[in-house]
Structure formats: structure tokens, C-alpha cells
Amino acid sequence: MNGIASVFKPGHKALIAFVTAGYPDIGATVKIAVLLAQSGCDIIELGIPFSDPLADGATIQKASHHALMQGVTPQKCLEAAAAIRKQTAAPLAFMTYYNPVLNYGLEAFCRSCAKAGVNGLIVPDLPPDEGTELETVTKNNGLDLIYLLAPTSTAARIKMVAERSRGFIYLVSLTGVTGARQTLAPELQDFVKRVKEKAGQPLCIGFGIATPEQAAQAASYADGVIIGSRIIELIEEDSTLGSLQSFITSVGQALDAPKKTGRY
């Protein structure tokens, strides 16, 4: 099993793929995650479905609701992660809201994550100034707690996240929720520059990346990209997963192209 930090190598731009655990079903989640890793994704982000996903747009909300209606629970997500871990060494990170973790029990959840082969947690509604307890528990269980920053983050918040995020820092590319966009925010490059001035961790950009061209543009500013809503859309559009595999391959090629021309 590889740790999250292991994917960030000089000259390599990380590709992180998000899937909602339990969409379209738990068995498919395992198959999709393994396919993503085999197709070139460096980290697989598994979303634990939640009834009030504040940071998610319509596409991921719909997938999360579908999973919940099928009875998908954090325990079933842990079982899916364990099944994925048996088939790939790619790092796994859970994206979850704080309520399911608190309800499960912080120590019990983190211990179960470690046992299942999960490497990190992303908790969008947990601000760093309230995350001390979970930071301690994750660290004791060998998990990275990955914090988020948005373009609206203050200098003080950036400094705090830079001091406490482990694995990488998740940069939200825009003000709003997840979902495919036509273009990236024009202020994105300046936002990344502000964070780089204070942070030594790898920086990965998510929210709104839907095409290979957008992925390459975002990666030119940062160390990796995170794609979620477009992946969910492709799963819905083509149950054979052929379109998803082609898309991931094309994104990987777009991330590699600047490296070959020396533009990174």
C-alpha cells in the first residue's frame, strides 16, 4: 500500500478521481475504482454519501441520494474500500462530512479506515480551527487529514491550513459547489500563488474540472487535479465504463504533454 505523499514526484502531476461510494451500487464502486487506478489515476477519492452534502453540486448530490436510497452506510463504504485495497495499491481517501464520522465515533472510524487500507480523510465541513481532535486521531492511526482552501480564504486561514494539512492541500477552484464548468476561474492562478507562498505541501485543484484541457491548465499552476462530477456523469452515460476509461486516459495524456515539452 502506497501513502498519499508517494504520488507527488518531481515532474509528475497527480490525477485524483472522485467516485461516490454506492453509485450506481457498491459492487460497481469497487470495479470503477480499480479501473480508475489501472487507467492512470494516482489517488482514488471515495465519497461517503450523506444527506446534506453542502459542498456538492447537483451531479454528486444525485449520486449520493441514489446511494443512500440503496442503504449505503459508512460501514458499507469501509467494506468497499477494503475490497478496492485488495486489488490496487493506489492511495485511497474518503471524502466525508463530519457528522457521519462523529456518529461512528472518531477513534472507531479512523481505526476502521486504517484496517480497510484507507490513507486519508477529506472533510469539507470541518474547519481547521475545529479539527484538532480529528487531527490527533487520524495521525495516531496513520491517516492524512486533508484540509481545503477556497479563493475566499484569508491569509490567516491559509497559514493555519499550511501548518496542519497532511498529504496535500485541496484547493477549491471557485466559490461555490462541485460540478463541471465550461472554464476555470480567471483568478485561480493568483489563488494558487497565494497558497504557495505559505504552504510546502503539494497543492491539488478540484471543483469544476471537466475536460483534459482544463486539467492541464490547472496542473500548470499546481501539483495535481481532482475530477469528480464529470466522472459521475460518464458512469451514468455509459455503464460499460468505456467512456470513463477513455476520458481518464485522455486526461493523463494532457497532464503528460507539458512535461514532454518542458513547460512544467
Protein backbone atom coordinates (compact mmCIF):
# COMPACT_ATOMS: atom_id res chain seq x y z
CA MET A 1 0.00 0.00 0.00
CA ASN A 2 1.35 3.40 -1.03
CA GLY A 3 0.90 6.58 1.02
CA ILE A 4 -0.63 9.74 -0.38
CA ALA A 5 2.68 11.62 -0.34
CA SER A 6 4.26 8.94 -2.54
CA VAL A 7 2.37 10.06 -5.66
CA PHE A 8 3.84 13.57 -5.68
CA LYS A 9 7.11 13.23 -7.54
CA PRO A 10 9.13 15.93 -9.32
CA GLY A 11 7.80 16.47 -12.82
CA HIS A 12 4.64 14.43 -12.21
CA LYS A 13 1.17 15.94 -11.95
CA ALA A 14 -1.17 13.83 -9.82
CA LEU A 15 -4.57 12.79 -11.13
CA ILE A 16 -7.14 12.25 -8.37
CA ALA A 17 -10.53 10.74 -9.22
CA PHE A 18 -13.66 11.08 -7.10
CA VAL A 19 -16.45 8.50 -7.06
CA THR A 20 -19.49 8.30 -4.82
CA ALA A 21 -19.39 5.04 -2.88
CA GLY A 22 -22.53 3.09 -3.69
CA TYR A 23 -23.20 4.71 -7.08
CA PRO A 24 -24.59 3.02 -9.02
CA ASP A 25 -24.06 0.28 -6.41
CA ILE A 26 -21.33 -0.92 -4.06
CA GLY A 27 -20.12 -3.64 -6.40
CA ALA A 28 -19.79 -1.14 -9.24
CA THR A 29 -17.89 1.24 -6.96
CA VAL A 30 -15.18 -1.37 -6.42
CA LYS A 31 -14.98 -2.11 -10.14
CA ILE A 32 -14.87 1.59 -11.06
CA ALA A 33 -12.21 2.46 -8.50
CA VAL A 34 -9.95 -0.36 -9.68
CA LEU A 35 -10.48 0.69 -13.31
CA LEU A 36 -9.58 4.29 -12.46
CA ALA A 37 -6.35 3.18 -10.80
CA GLN A 38 -5.47 0.90 -13.71
CA SER A 39 -6.18 3.74 -16.17
CA GLY A 40 -3.67 6.06 -14.53
CA CYS A 41 -5.34 7.75 -11.55
CA ASP A 42 -2.86 8.30 -8.74
CA ILE A 43 -5.35 8.60 -5.85
CA ILE A 44 -8.94 7.40 -5.57
CA GLU A 45 -11.27 9.62 -3.54
CA LEU A 46 -14.32 7.76 -2.27
CA GLY A 47 -17.29 9.90 -1.28
CA ILE A 48 -19.32 8.63 1.66
CA PRO A 49 -22.94 9.50 0.83
CA PHE A 50 -24.52 11.99 3.19
CA SER A 51 -27.99 13.51 3.39
CA ASP A 52 -26.82 17.13 3.49
CA PRO A 53 -23.75 17.42 1.22
CA LEU A 54 -23.19 21.17 1.44
CA ALA A 55 -20.14 21.32 -0.84
CA ASP A 56 -21.54 19.14 -3.61
CA GLY A 57 -23.35 20.23 -6.74
CA ALA A 58 -26.34 18.56 -8.39
CA THR A 59 -24.44 15.69 -10.02
CA ILE A 60 -22.78 14.39 -6.86
CA GLN A 61 -25.86 15.17 -4.75
CA LYS A 62 -27.92 12.95 -7.06
CA ALA A 63 -25.38 10.13 -6.86
CA SER A 64 -25.22 10.45 -3.08
CA HIS A 65 -29.03 10.35 -2.77
CA HIS A 66 -29.14 7.27 -5.02
CA ALA A 67 -26.59 5.51 -2.80
CA LEU A 68 -28.44 6.43 0.40
CA MET A 69 -31.70 5.09 -1.04
CA GLN A 70 -29.91 1.77 -1.55
CA GLY A 71 -28.93 1.65 2.09
CA VAL A 72 -25.27 2.56 1.68
CA THR A 73 -23.73 3.36 5.07
CA PRO A 74 -20.23 4.33 6.24
CA GLN A 75 -19.72 0.67 7.17
CA LYS A 76 -20.51 -0.44 3.63
CA CYS A 77 -18.14 2.24 2.33
CA LEU A 78 -15.40 0.82 4.56
CA GLU A 79 -16.10 -2.65 3.19
CA ALA A 80 -15.89 -1.29 -0.36
CA ALA A 81 -12.56 0.38 0.44
CA ALA A 82 -11.20 -2.89 1.80
CA ALA A 83 -12.29 -4.67 -1.40
CA ILE A 84 -10.63 -1.99 -3.54
CA ARG A 85 -7.45 -2.20 -1.47
CA LYS A 86 -7.17 -5.92 -2.28
CA GLN A 87 -6.98 -5.06 -5.98
CA THR A 88 -4.85 -1.92 -6.10
CA ALA A 89 -2.04 -0.22 -4.19
CA ALA A 90 -3.25 3.27 -5.21
CA PRO A 91 -3.83 5.52 -2.20
CA LEU A 92 -7.45 5.84 -1.08
CA ALA A 93 -9.02 8.87 0.59
CA PHE A 94 -12.53 9.15 1.98
CA MET A 95 -14.40 12.37 1.31
CA THR A 96 -16.94 12.63 4.09
CA TYR A 97 -18.79 15.19 6.11
CA TYR A 98 -18.09 15.41 9.81
CA ASN A 99 -21.46 14.14 11.04
CA PRO A 100 -21.03 10.53 9.82
CA VAL A 101 -17.55 10.37 11.37
CA LEU A 102 -18.79 11.79 14.67
CA ASN A 103 -21.75 9.42 14.68
CA TYR A 104 -19.49 6.42 14.02
CA GLY A 105 -17.01 7.59 16.65
CA LEU A 106 -13.76 9.31 15.72
CA GLU A 107 -11.43 6.66 17.08
CA ALA A 108 -13.52 3.74 15.81
CA PHE A 109 -13.89 5.29 12.35
CA CYS A 110 -10.20 6.08 11.93
CA ARG A 111 -9.21 2.67 13.21
CA SER A 112 -11.61 1.06 10.72
CA CYS A 113 -10.24 3.23 7.92
CA ALA A 114 -6.69 2.12 8.64
CA LYS A 115 -7.79 -1.51 8.75
CA ALA A 116 -9.55 -1.14 5.39
CA GLY A 117 -6.44 0.37 3.78
CA VAL A 118 -7.65 3.95 3.56
CA ASN A 119 -4.86 6.54 3.59
CA GLY A 120 -6.60 9.83 4.26
CA LEU A 121 -9.74 11.82 5.02
CA ILE A 122 -11.16 14.93 3.34
CA VAL A 123 -13.85 16.60 5.46
CA PRO A 124 -15.18 19.72 3.68
CA ASP A 125 -17.28 21.00 6.59
CA LEU A 126 -14.52 20.69 9.20
CA PRO A 127 -12.61 23.97 9.57
CA PRO A 128 -9.02 23.61 10.78
CA ASP A 129 -9.65 25.61 13.92
CA GLU A 130 -12.15 22.91 14.97
CA GLY A 131 -10.18 19.92 13.72
CA THR A 132 -7.66 19.34 16.49
CA GLU A 133 -9.32 16.20 17.86
CA LEU A 134 -9.69 14.54 14.48
CA GLU A 135 -6.15 15.57 13.54
CA THR A 136 -4.83 13.72 16.58
CA VAL A 137 -6.91 10.60 15.97
CA THR A 138 -6.07 10.42 12.26
CA LYS A 139 -2.37 10.88 12.96
CA ASN A 140 -2.43 8.13 15.58
CA ASN A 141 -3.96 5.79 13.01
CA GLY A 142 -1.60 6.67 10.17
CA LEU A 143 -4.15 8.69 8.19
CA ASP A 144 -3.67 12.05 6.48
CA LEU A 145 -6.28 14.71 7.29
CA ILE A 146 -6.52 16.86 4.18
CA TYR A 147 -7.89 20.38 4.57
CA LEU A 148 -9.49 22.57 1.93
CA LEU A 149 -8.87 26.18 0.93
CA ALA A 150 -11.05 28.38 -1.28
CA PRO A 151 -10.31 31.58 -3.20
CA THR A 152 -12.05 33.46 -0.38
CA SER A 153 -9.73 32.01 2.30
CA THR A 154 -7.98 34.66 4.35
CA ALA A 155 -4.23 34.84 4.83
CA ALA A 156 -4.72 33.59 8.40
CA ARG A 157 -6.75 30.57 7.21
CA ILE A 158 -4.16 29.75 4.54
CA LYS A 159 -1.41 29.87 7.17
CA MET A 160 -3.38 27.59 9.50
CA VAL A 161 -4.09 25.02 6.79
CA ALA A 162 -0.47 25.14 5.65
CA GLU A 163 0.60 24.27 9.18
CA ARG A 164 -1.87 21.41 9.65
CA SER A 165 -2.96 19.72 6.41
CA ARG A 166 -1.28 16.39 5.70
CA GLY A 167 -0.88 14.56 2.39
CA PHE A 168 -1.79 17.58 0.26
CA ILE A 169 -3.95 20.70 0.38
CA TYR A 170 -7.22 20.61 -1.54
CA LEU A 171 -7.70 23.87 -3.40
CA VAL A 172 -11.29 24.66 -4.35
CA SER A 173 -11.01 26.32 -7.74
CA LEU A 174 -14.03 28.58 -7.31
CA THR A 175 -16.56 29.94 -4.87
CA GLY A 176 -19.48 27.52 -4.95
CA VAL A 177 -20.17 23.80 -5.11
CA THR A 178 -18.79 20.92 -7.16
CA GLY A 179 -19.84 20.48 -10.78
CA ALA A 180 -18.47 20.59 -14.29
CA ARG A 181 -17.79 24.10 -15.64
CA GLN A 182 -17.06 25.49 -19.09
CA THR A 183 -13.97 27.39 -17.95
CA LEU A 184 -11.75 27.71 -14.91
CA ALA A 185 -11.96 30.80 -12.72
CA PRO A 186 -9.68 33.58 -14.01
CA GLU A 187 -8.35 34.26 -10.51
CA LEU A 188 -7.26 30.65 -9.98
CA GLN A 189 -3.58 31.20 -10.76
CA ASP A 190 -3.30 34.06 -8.28
CA PHE A 191 -5.07 31.98 -5.62
CA VAL A 192 -2.59 29.12 -6.06
CA LYS A 193 0.30 31.58 -5.87
CA ARG A 194 -1.01 32.95 -2.56
CA VAL A 195 -1.16 29.47 -1.07
CA LYS A 196 2.29 28.51 -2.39
CA GLU A 197 3.79 31.44 -0.52
CA LYS A 198 2.81 29.82 2.79
CA ALA A 199 2.49 26.07 2.13
CA GLY A 200 5.08 23.39 1.49
CA GLN A 201 2.58 20.58 0.87
CA PRO A 202 1.52 19.53 -2.62
CA LEU A 203 -1.44 21.56 -3.89
CA CYS A 204 -4.27 19.86 -5.79
CA ILE A 205 -7.09 21.71 -7.55
CA GLY A 206 -10.67 20.43 -7.60
CA PHE A 207 -14.23 21.65 -8.33
CA GLY A 208 -15.21 22.39 -11.91
CA ILE A 209 -12.56 20.46 -13.84
CA ALA A 210 -14.34 18.60 -16.63
CA THR A 211 -12.02 18.35 -19.64
CA PRO A 212 -8.44 17.28 -20.35
CA GLU A 213 -7.65 20.87 -21.34
CA GLN A 214 -8.92 22.25 -18.04
CA ALA A 215 -6.98 19.57 -16.16
CA ALA A 216 -3.76 20.54 -17.95
CA GLN A 217 -4.38 24.24 -17.26
CA ALA A 218 -5.00 23.64 -13.54
CA ALA A 219 -2.00 21.33 -13.29
CA SER A 220 0.24 24.01 -14.76
CA TYR A 221 -0.43 26.00 -11.58
CA ALA A 222 -0.42 23.18 -9.01
CA ASP A 223 0.76 19.65 -8.26
CA GLY A 224 -2.38 17.76 -9.19
CA VAL A 225 -6.03 17.88 -10.18
CA ILE A 226 -9.19 16.34 -8.75
CA ILE A 227 -12.06 15.35 -11.03
CA GLY A 228 -15.43 14.24 -9.69
CA SER A 229 -18.67 15.39 -11.31
CA ARG A 230 -17.55 14.57 -14.85
CA ILE A 231 -16.63 11.06 -13.71
CA ILE A 232 -20.09 10.58 -12.20
CA GLU A 233 -21.67 11.82 -15.44
CA LEU A 234 -19.66 9.36 -17.54
CA ILE A 235 -20.62 6.46 -15.26
CA GLU A 236 -24.27 7.41 -15.77
CA GLU A 237 -23.92 7.87 -19.53
CA ASP A 238 -22.07 4.62 -20.27
CA SER A 239 -22.49 1.63 -17.97
CA THR A 240 -19.76 -0.27 -19.85
CA LEU A 241 -17.29 2.28 -18.41
CA GLY A 242 -15.60 2.53 -21.80
CA SER A 243 -16.21 6.29 -21.98
CA LEU A 244 -14.84 6.74 -18.48
CA GLN A 245 -11.68 4.81 -19.29
CA SER A 246 -11.14 6.83 -22.47
CA PHE A 247 -11.66 10.08 -20.58
CA ILE A 248 -9.15 9.21 -17.85
CA THR A 249 -6.62 8.17 -20.48
CA SER A 250 -7.07 11.48 -22.31
CA VAL A 251 -6.67 13.45 -19.09
CA GLY A 252 -3.50 11.54 -18.28
CA GLN A 253 -2.13 12.31 -21.73
CA ALA A 254 -2.98 16.00 -21.30
CA LEU A 255 -1.15 16.09 -17.96
CA ASP A 256 1.87 14.39 -19.51
CA ALA A 257 2.04 16.60 -22.61
CA PRO A 258 3.52 19.73 -20.94
CA LYS A 259 6.11 17.55 -19.19
CA LYS A 260 7.27 16.22 -22.56
CA THR A 261 7.63 19.74 -23.95
CA GLY A 262 9.29 21.10 -20.83
CA ARG A 263 6.51 23.57 -19.98
CA TYR A 264 6.12 22.47 -16.33
